[in-house]
Amino acid sequence: MSLLIILLVCTVLATPAQAAPLQEEVQPAPAQDTLRLDWGTYMGELPDGQGKMYHKERGLFVGTFHRTVAAGRGKNIRADGSIYIGNFVRGVYQGYGRLFMSTGAVICGEFSGGKANGRDTLYYPDGKVFIGIMQNNGPTKQGKTYRSADAAQVTKPVKPAPELTPDDEAFLKALGYGTFDTPPVFGTGASFYQAYIYPHFQYTEYMADKQAIVEYEFTVGEDGKLRDINIVSSTDEAFSKELVRVLKRCPKWTPAMKDGKPVPYTFRNQGIRFTPTY
């Protein structure tokens, strides 16, 4: 009997203690709110997370935000109908992305400072393809142009549907979204800067070793001529004056069309980062 009691006691002592069930740590859900700012309205998670920004000048942003500024993956739909899908840093296109331009051109690859700058593939509206280094959304001499996507052995991405809510569409229409059937086009429709501004911009000796950022806007009239050329901001007046001179001498564009008739269209929030020529 004593031996049996000892064995029972040993068995009980040898049985592992039952651990208390762990309480699953519940993370608080990010706060969601609507913030009205000078430049637009933000709706979404705070301080970081998913949301959307109705930007008064740059259109609709949807995706990941950091303190109401686009940061990480997302998309930007502009009033002219262009769509960017890719990475953002501090609210600008930065990293890998795809830009579906209103002209029908598509750029895939590296973006920096809000434009295609780096190794990219440019699909022209006329079917040609450029693969190489791009600057300010335009091709450089460091690349090759192919007569077609088949010749380049690539496939042009299809522009996605914007997927707008009624509120999204109402906001964009207030900025001019849908005011034309086809946008104004210069040349092949890929990059106005690369096709016209860059080859005609004349650097003075003073400007040769300087950097500058110029933001500007202009209107393409019903007759295809540029008008209402306006410098919004400039870090160096010499660069902005030369830019105005170049724009005033610009050849005619193909104007925007609405219901079969030419209509004026204003390009806003245009920007160029000028770098030393040496």
C-alpha atoms as a PDB file:
ATOM      1  CA  MET A   1       0.000   0.000   0.000  1.00  0.00           C
ATOM      2  CA  SER A   2       2.776   2.468   0.943  1.00  0.00           C
ATOM      3  CA  LEU A   3       4.586   1.648  -2.297  1.00  0.00           C
ATOM      4  CA  LEU A   4       1.408   2.376  -4.297  1.00  0.00           C
ATOM      5  CA  ILE A   5       0.944   5.757  -2.552  1.00  0.00           C
ATOM      6  CA  ILE A   6       4.547   6.702  -3.307  1.00  0.00           C
ATOM      7  CA  LEU A   7       4.100   5.824  -6.978  1.00  0.00           C
ATOM      8  CA  LEU A   8       0.905   7.868  -7.170  1.00  0.00           C
ATOM      9  CA  VAL A   9       2.592  10.882  -5.559  1.00  0.00           C
ATOM     10  CA  CYS A  10       5.546  10.626  -7.947  1.00  0.00           C
ATOM     11  CA  THR A  11       3.196  10.409 -10.920  1.00  0.00           C
ATOM     12  CA  VAL A  12       1.362  13.545  -9.855  1.00  0.00           C
ATOM     13  CA  LEU A  13       4.604  15.452  -9.261  1.00  0.00           C
ATOM     14  CA  ALA A  14       5.996  14.333 -12.630  1.00  0.00           C
ATOM     15  CA  THR A  15       2.932  15.548 -14.581  1.00  0.00           C
ATOM     16  CA  PRO A  16       3.734  18.900 -16.251  1.00  0.00           C
ATOM     17  CA  ALA A  17       1.773  21.811 -14.903  1.00  0.00           C
ATOM     18  CA  GLN A  18      -0.947  23.043 -17.223  1.00  0.00           C
ATOM     19  CA  ALA A  19       0.130  26.476 -18.514  1.00  0.00           C
ATOM     20  CA  ALA A  20      -2.470  29.192 -18.313  1.00  0.00           C
ATOM     21  CA  PRO A  21      -3.748  30.090 -21.783  1.00  0.00           C
ATOM     22  CA  LEU A  22      -1.919  33.088 -23.237  1.00  0.00           C
ATOM     23  CA  GLN A  23      -4.023  36.163 -23.739  1.00  0.00           C
ATOM     24  CA  GLU A  24      -3.751  37.289 -27.390  1.00  0.00           C
ATOM     25  CA  GLU A  25      -2.454  40.834 -27.524  1.00  0.00           C
ATOM     26  CA  VAL A  26      -4.992  42.987 -29.310  1.00  0.00           C
ATOM     27  CA  GLN A  27      -3.536  45.889 -31.263  1.00  0.00           C
ATOM     28  CA  PRO A  28      -5.662  49.014 -31.237  1.00  0.00           C
ATOM     29  CA  ALA A  29      -7.127  49.847 -34.626  1.00  0.00           C
ATOM     30  CA  PRO A  30      -5.620  52.941 -36.256  1.00  0.00           C
ATOM     31  CA  ALA A  31      -7.678  56.042 -35.717  1.00  0.00           C
ATOM     32  CA  GLN A  32      -9.592  57.230 -38.762  1.00  0.00           C
ATOM     33  CA  ASP A  33     -10.505  60.805 -39.358  1.00  0.00           C
ATOM     34  CA  THR A  34     -11.070  63.546 -41.902  1.00  0.00           C
ATOM     35  CA  LEU A  35      -8.627  66.419 -41.923  1.00  0.00           C
ATOM     36  CA  ARG A  36      -9.155  69.593 -43.912  1.00  0.00           C
ATOM     37  CA  LEU A  37      -5.820  71.103 -44.868  1.00  0.00           C
ATOM     38  CA  ASP A  38      -4.778  74.155 -46.882  1.00  0.00           C
ATOM     39  CA  TRP A  39      -3.984  72.010 -49.913  1.00  0.00           C
ATOM     40  CA  GLY A  40      -6.829  69.504 -49.681  1.00  0.00           C
ATOM     41  CA  THR A  41      -8.797  67.019 -47.610  1.00  0.00           C
ATOM     42  CA  TYR A  42      -7.395  63.790 -46.137  1.00  0.00           C
ATOM     43  CA  MET A  43      -9.639  60.868 -45.222  1.00  0.00           C
ATOM     44  CA  GLY A  44      -8.195  57.749 -43.614  1.00  0.00           C
ATOM     45  CA  GLU A  45      -6.082  56.223 -40.879  1.00  0.00           C
ATOM     46  CA  LEU A  46      -3.971  58.427 -38.597  1.00  0.00           C
ATOM     47  CA  PRO A  47      -1.136  59.007 -38.076  1.00  0.00           C
ATOM     48  CA  ASP A  48      -0.122  56.310 -40.598  1.00  0.00           C
ATOM     49  CA  GLY A  49      -2.046  53.856 -42.741  1.00  0.00           C
ATOM     50  CA  GLN A  50      -4.456  53.616 -45.625  1.00  0.00           C
ATOM     51  CA  GLY A  51      -6.341  56.641 -46.845  1.00  0.00           C
ATOM     52  CA  LYS A  52      -7.047  59.075 -49.646  1.00  0.00           C
ATOM     53  CA  MET A  53      -6.157  62.695 -50.259  1.00  0.00           C
ATOM     54  CA  TYR A  54      -8.246  65.114 -52.303  1.00  0.00           C
ATOM     55  CA  HIS A  55      -5.428  67.442 -53.348  1.00  0.00           C
ATOM     56  CA  LYS A  56      -6.605  70.783 -54.750  1.00  0.00           C
ATOM     57  CA  GLU A  57      -3.822  70.920 -57.347  1.00  0.00           C
ATOM     58  CA  ARG A  58      -2.489  67.385 -57.852  1.00  0.00           C
ATOM     59  CA  GLY A  59      -5.696  65.375 -57.941  1.00  0.00           C
ATOM     60  CA  LEU A  60      -6.682  62.243 -56.037  1.00  0.00           C
ATOM     61  CA  PHE A  61      -4.202  60.134 -54.057  1.00  0.00           C
ATOM     62  CA  VAL A  62      -5.150  56.685 -52.758  1.00  0.00           C
ATOM     63  CA  GLY A  63      -2.906  54.306 -50.820  1.00  0.00           C
ATOM     64  CA  THR A  64      -0.501  54.372 -47.884  1.00  0.00           C
ATOM     65  CA  PHE A  65       0.074  57.636 -46.033  1.00  0.00           C
ATOM     66  CA  HIS A  66       2.379  59.015 -43.370  1.00  0.00           C
ATOM     67  CA  ARG A  67       0.890  61.991 -41.569  1.00  0.00           C
ATOM     68  CA  THR A  68      -1.478  62.721 -44.494  1.00  0.00           C
ATOM     69  CA  VAL A  69       1.340  62.564 -47.095  1.00  0.00           C
ATOM     70  CA  ALA A  70       1.525  59.729 -49.636  1.00  0.00           C
ATOM     71  CA  ALA A  71       4.313  57.350 -48.601  1.00  0.00           C
ATOM     72  CA  GLY A  72       4.717  53.806 -49.933  1.00  0.00           C
ATOM     73  CA  ARG A  73       2.486  52.121 -52.487  1.00  0.00           C
ATOM     74  CA  GLY A  74      -0.431  54.001 -53.950  1.00  0.00           C
ATOM     75  CA  LYS A  75      -1.909  55.719 -56.980  1.00  0.00           C
ATOM     76  CA  ASN A  76      -2.508  59.262 -58.161  1.00  0.00           C
ATOM     77  CA  ILE A  77      -5.307  60.213 -60.571  1.00  0.00           C
ATOM     78  CA  ARG A  78      -4.958  63.676 -62.077  1.00  0.00           C
ATOM     79  CA  ALA A  79      -7.510  66.005 -63.613  1.00  0.00           C
ATOM     80  CA  ASP A  80      -6.110  65.379 -67.106  1.00  0.00           C
ATOM     81  CA  GLY A  81      -6.912  61.668 -66.759  1.00  0.00           C
ATOM     82  CA  SER A  82      -3.354  60.446 -66.206  1.00  0.00           C
ATOM     83  CA  ILE A  83      -2.827  57.705 -63.610  1.00  0.00           C
ATOM     84  CA  TYR A  84       0.352  56.865 -61.685  1.00  0.00           C
ATOM     85  CA  ILE A  85       0.575  53.563 -59.823  1.00  0.00           C
ATOM     86  CA  GLY A  86       3.692  52.885 -57.793  1.00  0.00           C
ATOM     87  CA  ASN A  87       5.820  54.083 -54.930  1.00  0.00           C
ATOM     88  CA  PHE A  88       5.673  57.481 -53.246  1.00  0.00           C
ATOM     89  CA  VAL A  89       8.148  59.268 -50.990  1.00  0.00           C
ATOM     90  CA  ARG A  90       6.989  62.459 -49.290  1.00  0.00           C
ATOM     91  CA  GLY A  91       4.088  62.766 -51.670  1.00  0.00           C
ATOM     92  CA  VAL A  92       5.994  62.494 -54.967  1.00  0.00           C
ATOM     93  CA  TYR A  93       6.629  59.635 -57.393  1.00  0.00           C
ATOM     94  CA  GLN A  94       9.805  57.941 -56.158  1.00  0.00           C
ATOM     95  CA  GLY A  95      10.967  54.403 -56.854  1.00  0.00           C
ATOM     96  CA  TYR A  96       9.345  51.917 -59.214  1.00  0.00           C
ATOM     97  CA  GLY A  97       6.082  52.907 -60.844  1.00  0.00           C
ATOM     98  CA  ARG A  98       3.911  53.061 -63.937  1.00  0.00           C
ATOM     99  CA  LEU A  99       2.613  56.311 -65.387  1.00  0.00           C
ATOM    100  CA  PHE A 100      -0.340  56.087 -67.764  1.00  0.00           C
ATOM    101  CA  MET A 101      -0.347  59.501 -69.431  1.00  0.00           C
ATOM    102  CA  SER A 102      -3.476  61.156 -70.788  1.00  0.00           C
ATOM    103  CA  THR A 103      -1.858  61.245 -74.243  1.00  0.00           C
ATOM    104  CA  GLY A 104      -1.780  57.446 -74.395  1.00  0.00           C
ATOM    105  CA  ALA A 105       1.926  57.155 -73.622  1.00  0.00           C
ATOM    106  CA  VAL A 106       2.970  54.800 -70.796  1.00  0.00           C
ATOM    107  CA  ILE A 107       6.178  54.908 -68.745  1.00  0.00           C
ATOM    108  CA  CYS A 108       7.316  51.967 -66.617  1.00  0.00           C
ATOM    109  CA  GLY A 109      10.402  51.952 -64.430  1.00  0.00           C
ATOM    110  CA  GLU A 110      12.334  54.283 -62.143  1.00  0.00           C
ATOM    111  CA  PHE A 111      10.839  57.543 -60.916  1.00  0.00           C
ATOM    112  CA  SER A 112      12.524  60.295 -58.942  1.00  0.00           C
ATOM    113  CA  GLY A 113      11.275  63.714 -57.932  1.00  0.00           C
ATOM    114  CA  GLY A 114       7.866  63.069 -59.441  1.00  0.00           C
ATOM    115  CA  LYS A 115       9.037  62.165 -62.951  1.00  0.00           C
ATOM    116  CA  ALA A 116      10.618  59.259 -64.837  1.00  0.00           C
ATOM    117  CA  ASN A 117      14.327  59.610 -64.092  1.00  0.00           C
ATOM    118  CA  GLY A 118      16.394  56.481 -64.484  1.00  0.00           C
ATOM    119  CA  ARG A 119      16.088  53.257 -66.423  1.00  0.00           C
ATOM    120  CA  ASP A 120      12.618  53.099 -67.908  1.00  0.00           C
ATOM    121  CA  THR A 121      10.513  51.804 -70.763  1.00  0.00           C
ATOM    122  CA  LEU A 122       8.483  54.393 -72.677  1.00  0.00           C
ATOM    123  CA  TYR A 123       5.570  53.256 -74.836  1.00  0.00           C
ATOM    124  CA  TYR A 124       4.726  55.999 -77.357  1.00  0.00           C
ATOM    125  CA  PRO A 125       1.106  56.551 -78.443  1.00  0.00           C
ATOM    126  CA  ASP A 126       2.109  55.688 -82.044  1.00  0.00           C
ATOM    127  CA  GLY A 127       3.338  52.217 -81.024  1.00  0.00           C
ATOM    128  CA  LYS A 128       7.082  52.866 -80.837  1.00  0.00           C
ATOM    129  CA  VAL A 129       8.994  51.870 -77.704  1.00  0.00           C
ATOM    130  CA  PHE A 130      12.043  53.420 -76.042  1.00  0.00           C
ATOM    131  CA  ILE A 131      14.101  51.415 -73.546  1.00  0.00           C
ATOM    132  CA  GLY A 132      16.901  53.154 -71.687  1.00  0.00           C
ATOM    133  CA  ILE A 133      17.654  56.115 -69.470  1.00  0.00           C
ATOM    134  CA  MET A 134      14.957  58.759 -69.159  1.00  0.00           C
ATOM    135  CA  GLN A 135      15.038  62.265 -67.724  1.00  0.00           C
ATOM    136  CA  ASN A 136      12.003  64.379 -66.798  1.00  0.00           C
ATOM    137  CA  ASN A 137       9.646  61.857 -68.479  1.00  0.00           C
ATOM    138  CA  GLY A 138      11.602  61.996 -71.740  1.00  0.00           C
ATOM    139  CA  PRO A 139      14.117  59.661 -73.420  1.00  0.00           C
ATOM    140  CA  THR A 140      17.816  60.472 -73.529  1.00  0.00           C
ATOM    141  CA  LYS A 141      20.528  59.322 -75.923  1.00  0.00           C
ATOM    142  CA  GLN A 142      21.318  56.475 -73.519  1.00  0.00           C
ATOM    143  CA  GLY A 143      18.827  54.002 -74.905  1.00  0.00           C
ATOM    144  CA  LYS A 144      17.226  52.552 -78.010  1.00  0.00           C
ATOM    145  CA  THR A 145      13.945  53.211 -79.801  1.00  0.00           C
ATOM    146  CA  TYR A 146      12.134  50.269 -81.388  1.00  0.00           C
ATOM    147  CA  ARG A 147       9.496  50.474 -84.116  1.00  0.00           C
ATOM    148  CA  SER A 148       7.019  48.422 -82.079  1.00  0.00           C
ATOM    149  CA  ALA A 149       6.475  46.544 -78.825  1.00  0.00           C
ATOM    150  CA  ASP A 150       6.989  43.271 -80.686  1.00  0.00           C
ATOM    151  CA  ALA A 151      10.360  44.458 -81.966  1.00  0.00           C
ATOM    152  CA  ALA A 152      11.335  45.421 -78.415  1.00  0.00           C
ATOM    153  CA  GLN A 153       9.938  42.098 -77.117  1.00  0.00           C
ATOM    154  CA  VAL A 154       7.804  43.847 -74.502  1.00  0.00           C
ATOM    155  CA  THR A 155       4.085  44.210 -73.861  1.00  0.00           C
ATOM    156  CA  LYS A 156       2.478  47.595 -73.322  1.00  0.00           C
ATOM    157  CA  PRO A 157       0.549  47.665 -70.037  1.00  0.00           C
ATOM    158  CA  VAL A 158      -3.171  48.362 -70.261  1.00  0.00           C
ATOM    159  CA  LYS A 159      -4.348  51.506 -68.503  1.00  0.00           C
ATOM    160  CA  PRO A 160      -6.455  50.450 -65.530  1.00  0.00           C
ATOM    161  CA  ALA A 161      -9.929  51.769 -64.829  1.00  0.00           C
ATOM    162  CA  PRO A 162      -9.776  54.658 -62.329  1.00  0.00           C
ATOM    163  CA  GLU A 163     -12.333  53.011 -59.978  1.00  0.00           C
ATOM    164  CA  LEU A 164     -13.777  56.282 -58.702  1.00  0.00           C
ATOM    165  CA  THR A 165     -16.473  56.709 -56.090  1.00  0.00           C
ATOM    166  CA  PRO A 166     -19.131  59.368 -56.747  1.00  0.00           C
ATOM    167  CA  ASP A 167     -17.283  61.706 -54.361  1.00  0.00           C
ATOM    168  CA  ASP A 168     -13.969  61.021 -56.131  1.00  0.00           C
ATOM    169  CA  GLU A 169     -15.458  61.787 -59.539  1.00  0.00           C
ATOM    170  CA  ALA A 170     -17.194  64.954 -58.325  1.00  0.00           C
ATOM    171  CA  PHE A 171     -13.917  66.210 -56.866  1.00  0.00           C
ATOM    172  CA  LEU A 172     -11.904  65.514 -60.026  1.00  0.00           C
ATOM    173  CA  LYS A 173     -14.555  67.056 -62.268  1.00  0.00           C
ATOM    174  CA  ALA A 174     -14.249  70.260 -60.249  1.00  0.00           C
ATOM    175  CA  LEU A 175     -10.564  70.271 -61.279  1.00  0.00           C
ATOM    176  CA  GLY A 176     -11.394  69.724 -64.952  1.00  0.00           C
ATOM    177  CA  TYR A 177     -11.561  65.929 -65.147  1.00  0.00           C
ATOM    178  CA  GLY A 178     -13.591  64.812 -68.152  1.00  0.00           C
ATOM    179  CA  THR A 179     -13.634  68.246 -69.798  1.00  0.00           C
ATOM    180  CA  PHE A 180     -12.156  66.788 -72.985  1.00  0.00           C
ATOM    181  CA  ASP A 181     -12.403  63.611 -75.034  1.00  0.00           C
ATOM    182  CA  THR A 182      -8.760  63.738 -76.164  1.00  0.00           C
ATOM    183  CA  PRO A 183      -6.020  65.783 -74.457  1.00  0.00           C
ATOM    184  CA  PRO A 184      -3.748  68.342 -76.110  1.00  0.00           C
ATOM    185  CA  VAL A 185      -0.678  66.714 -77.636  1.00  0.00           C
ATOM    186  CA  PHE A 186       2.731  68.015 -78.631  1.00  0.00           C
ATOM    187  CA  GLY A 187       4.695  65.919 -81.097  1.00  0.00           C
ATOM    188  CA  THR A 188       4.532  62.236 -80.212  1.00  0.00           C
ATOM    189  CA  GLY A 189       2.819  63.008 -76.921  1.00  0.00           C
ATOM    190  CA  ALA A 190       5.472  61.540 -74.622  1.00  0.00           C
ATOM    191  CA  SER A 191       7.469  64.402 -73.088  1.00  0.00           C
ATOM    192  CA  PHE A 192       7.080  68.070 -73.948  1.00  0.00           C
ATOM    193  CA  TYR A 193      10.224  68.839 -71.967  1.00  0.00           C
ATOM    194  CA  GLN A 194      12.383  66.350 -73.821  1.00  0.00           C
ATOM    195  CA  ALA A 195      10.869  67.036 -77.255  1.00  0.00           C
ATOM    196  CA  TYR A 196      10.938  70.825 -77.152  1.00  0.00           C
ATOM    197  CA  ILE A 197      12.102  72.592 -73.968  1.00  0.00           C
ATOM    198  CA  TYR A 198      15.376  70.703 -73.497  1.00  0.00           C
ATOM    199  CA  PRO A 199      16.776  71.181 -77.050  1.00  0.00           C
ATOM    200  CA  HIS A 200      15.782  74.872 -77.176  1.00  0.00           C
ATOM    201  CA  PHE A 201      16.723  75.968 -73.646  1.00  0.00           C
ATOM    202  CA  GLN A 202      19.892  78.084 -73.780  1.00  0.00           C
ATOM    203  CA  TYR A 203      22.202  78.116 -70.768  1.00  0.00           C
ATOM    204  CA  THR A 204      24.171  81.303 -70.192  1.00  0.00           C
ATOM    205  CA  GLU A 205      27.646  81.228 -68.652  1.00  0.00           C
ATOM    206  CA  TYR A 206      26.051  82.165 -65.329  1.00  0.00           C
ATOM    207  CA  MET A 207      23.553  79.286 -65.518  1.00  0.00           C
ATOM    208  CA  ALA A 208      26.040  76.598 -66.607  1.00  0.00           C
ATOM    209  CA  ASP A 209      27.086  75.568 -63.087  1.00  0.00           C
ATOM    210  CA  LYS A 210      23.821  76.372 -61.305  1.00  0.00           C
ATOM    211  CA  GLN A 211      20.852  74.312 -60.184  1.00  0.00           C
ATOM    212  CA  ALA A 212      17.289  75.562 -60.198  1.00  0.00           C
ATOM    213  CA  ILE A 213      13.711  74.404 -59.791  1.00  0.00           C
ATOM    214  CA  VAL A 214      10.995  76.169 -61.776  1.00  0.00           C
ATOM    215  CA  GLU A 215       7.267  75.486 -61.463  1.00  0.00           C
ATOM    216  CA  TYR A 216       5.041  76.843 -64.199  1.00  0.00           C
ATOM    217  CA  GLU A 217       1.699  76.559 -65.987  1.00  0.00           C
ATOM    218  CA  PHE A 218       0.308  77.355 -69.406  1.00  0.00           C
ATOM    219  CA  THR A 219      -2.781  76.917 -71.548  1.00  0.00           C
ATOM    220  CA  VAL A 220      -3.046  75.263 -74.947  1.00  0.00           C
ATOM    221  CA  GLY A 221      -5.715  77.256 -76.798  1.00  0.00           C
ATOM    222  CA  GLU A 222      -8.284  76.050 -79.274  1.00  0.00           C
ATOM    223  CA  ASP A 223      -5.862  77.045 -82.045  1.00  0.00           C
ATOM    224  CA  GLY A 224      -3.033  74.960 -80.550  1.00  0.00           C
ATOM    225  CA  LYS A 225      -0.997  78.014 -79.503  1.00  0.00           C
ATOM    226  CA  LEU A 226       0.352  78.442 -75.979  1.00  0.00           C
ATOM    227  CA  ARG A 227      -1.034  81.281 -73.907  1.00  0.00           C
ATOM    228  CA  ASP A 228      -1.337  82.359 -70.260  1.00  0.00           C
ATOM    229  CA  ILE A 229       2.247  81.278 -69.548  1.00  0.00           C
ATOM    230  CA  ASN A 230       2.838  81.776 -65.827  1.00  0.00           C
ATOM    231  CA  ILE A 231       5.785  81.095 -63.518  1.00  0.00           C
ATOM    232  CA  VAL A 232       4.369  79.784 -60.248  1.00  0.00           C
ATOM    233  CA  SER A 233       7.698  79.624 -58.412  1.00  0.00           C
ATOM    234  CA  SER A 234      11.396  79.729 -59.239  1.00  0.00           C
ATOM    235  CA  THR A 235      14.624  79.407 -57.293  1.00  0.00           C
ATOM    236  CA  ASP A 236      16.532  81.401 -59.916  1.00  0.00           C
ATOM    237  CA  GLU A 237      15.027  84.128 -62.116  1.00  0.00           C
ATOM    238  CA  ALA A 238      17.519  83.514 -64.920  1.00  0.00           C
ATOM    239  CA  PHE A 239      16.103  80.037 -65.496  1.00  0.00           C
ATOM    240  CA  SER A 240      12.461  81.119 -65.331  1.00  0.00           C
ATOM    241  CA  LYS A 241      13.045  83.964 -67.815  1.00  0.00           C
ATOM    242  CA  GLU A 242      14.675  81.598 -70.297  1.00  0.00           C
ATOM    243  CA  LEU A 243      11.866  79.090 -69.850  1.00  0.00           C
ATOM    244  CA  VAL A 244       9.263  81.761 -70.642  1.00  0.00           C
ATOM    245  CA  ARG A 245      11.218  82.745 -73.755  1.00  0.00           C
ATOM    246  CA  VAL A 246      11.249  79.135 -74.958  1.00  0.00           C
ATOM    247  CA  LEU A 247       7.557  78.589 -74.251  1.00  0.00           C
ATOM    248  CA  LYS A 248       6.538  81.762 -76.105  1.00  0.00           C
ATOM    249  CA  ARG A 249       8.254  80.444 -79.244  1.00  0.00           C
ATOM    250  CA  CYS A 250       6.680  76.991 -79.032  1.00  0.00           C
ATOM    251  CA  PRO A 251       5.120  75.593 -82.235  1.00  0.00           C
ATOM    252  CA  LYS A 252       1.436  74.701 -82.275  1.00  0.00           C
ATOM    253  CA  TRP A 253       0.078  71.723 -80.390  1.00  0.00           C
ATOM    254  CA  THR A 254      -2.814  69.507 -81.371  1.00  0.00           C
ATOM    255  CA  PRO A 255      -5.501  71.014 -79.117  1.00  0.00           C
ATOM    256  CA  ALA A 256      -7.758  69.121 -76.735  1.00  0.00           C
ATOM    257  CA  MET A 257     -11.021  67.966 -78.280  1.00  0.00           C
ATOM    258  CA  LYS A 258     -14.504  67.792 -76.762  1.00  0.00           C
ATOM    259  CA  ASP A 259     -17.548  66.613 -78.727  1.00  0.00           C
ATOM    260  CA  GLY A 260     -15.570  66.983 -81.934  1.00  0.00           C
ATOM    261  CA  LYS A 261     -14.540  70.592 -81.250  1.00  0.00           C
ATOM    262  CA  PRO A 262     -11.178  72.009 -80.055  1.00  0.00           C
ATOM    263  CA  VAL A 263     -11.225  73.328 -76.481  1.00  0.00           C
ATOM    264  CA  PRO A 264      -8.607  75.088 -74.343  1.00  0.00           C
ATOM    265  CA  TYR A 265      -6.765  73.135 -71.685  1.00  0.00           C
ATOM    266  CA  THR A 266      -4.485  74.425 -68.912  1.00  0.00           C
ATOM    267  CA  PHE A 267      -1.455  72.463 -67.745  1.00  0.00           C
ATOM    268  CA  ARG A 268      -0.901  73.195 -64.069  1.00  0.00           C
ATOM    269  CA  ASN A 269       1.771  72.099 -61.598  1.00  0.00           C
ATOM    270  CA  GLN A 270       4.460  71.656 -64.235  1.00  0.00           C
ATOM    271  CA  GLY A 271       7.977  71.549 -62.843  1.00  0.00           C
ATOM    272  CA  ILE A 272      11.554  71.288 -64.105  1.00  0.00           C
ATOM    273  CA  ARG A 273      14.694  70.643 -62.073  1.00  0.00           C
ATOM    274  CA  PHE A 274      17.636  72.169 -63.947  1.00  0.00           C
ATOM    275  CA  THR A 275      21.117  70.789 -63.234  1.00  0.00           C
ATOM    276  CA  PRO A 276      24.622  71.981 -64.176  1.00  0.00           C
ATOM    277  CA  THR A 277      25.566  71.338 -67.807  1.00  0.00           C
ATOM    278  CA  TYR A 278      29.121  70.211 -67.138  1.00  0.00           C
END
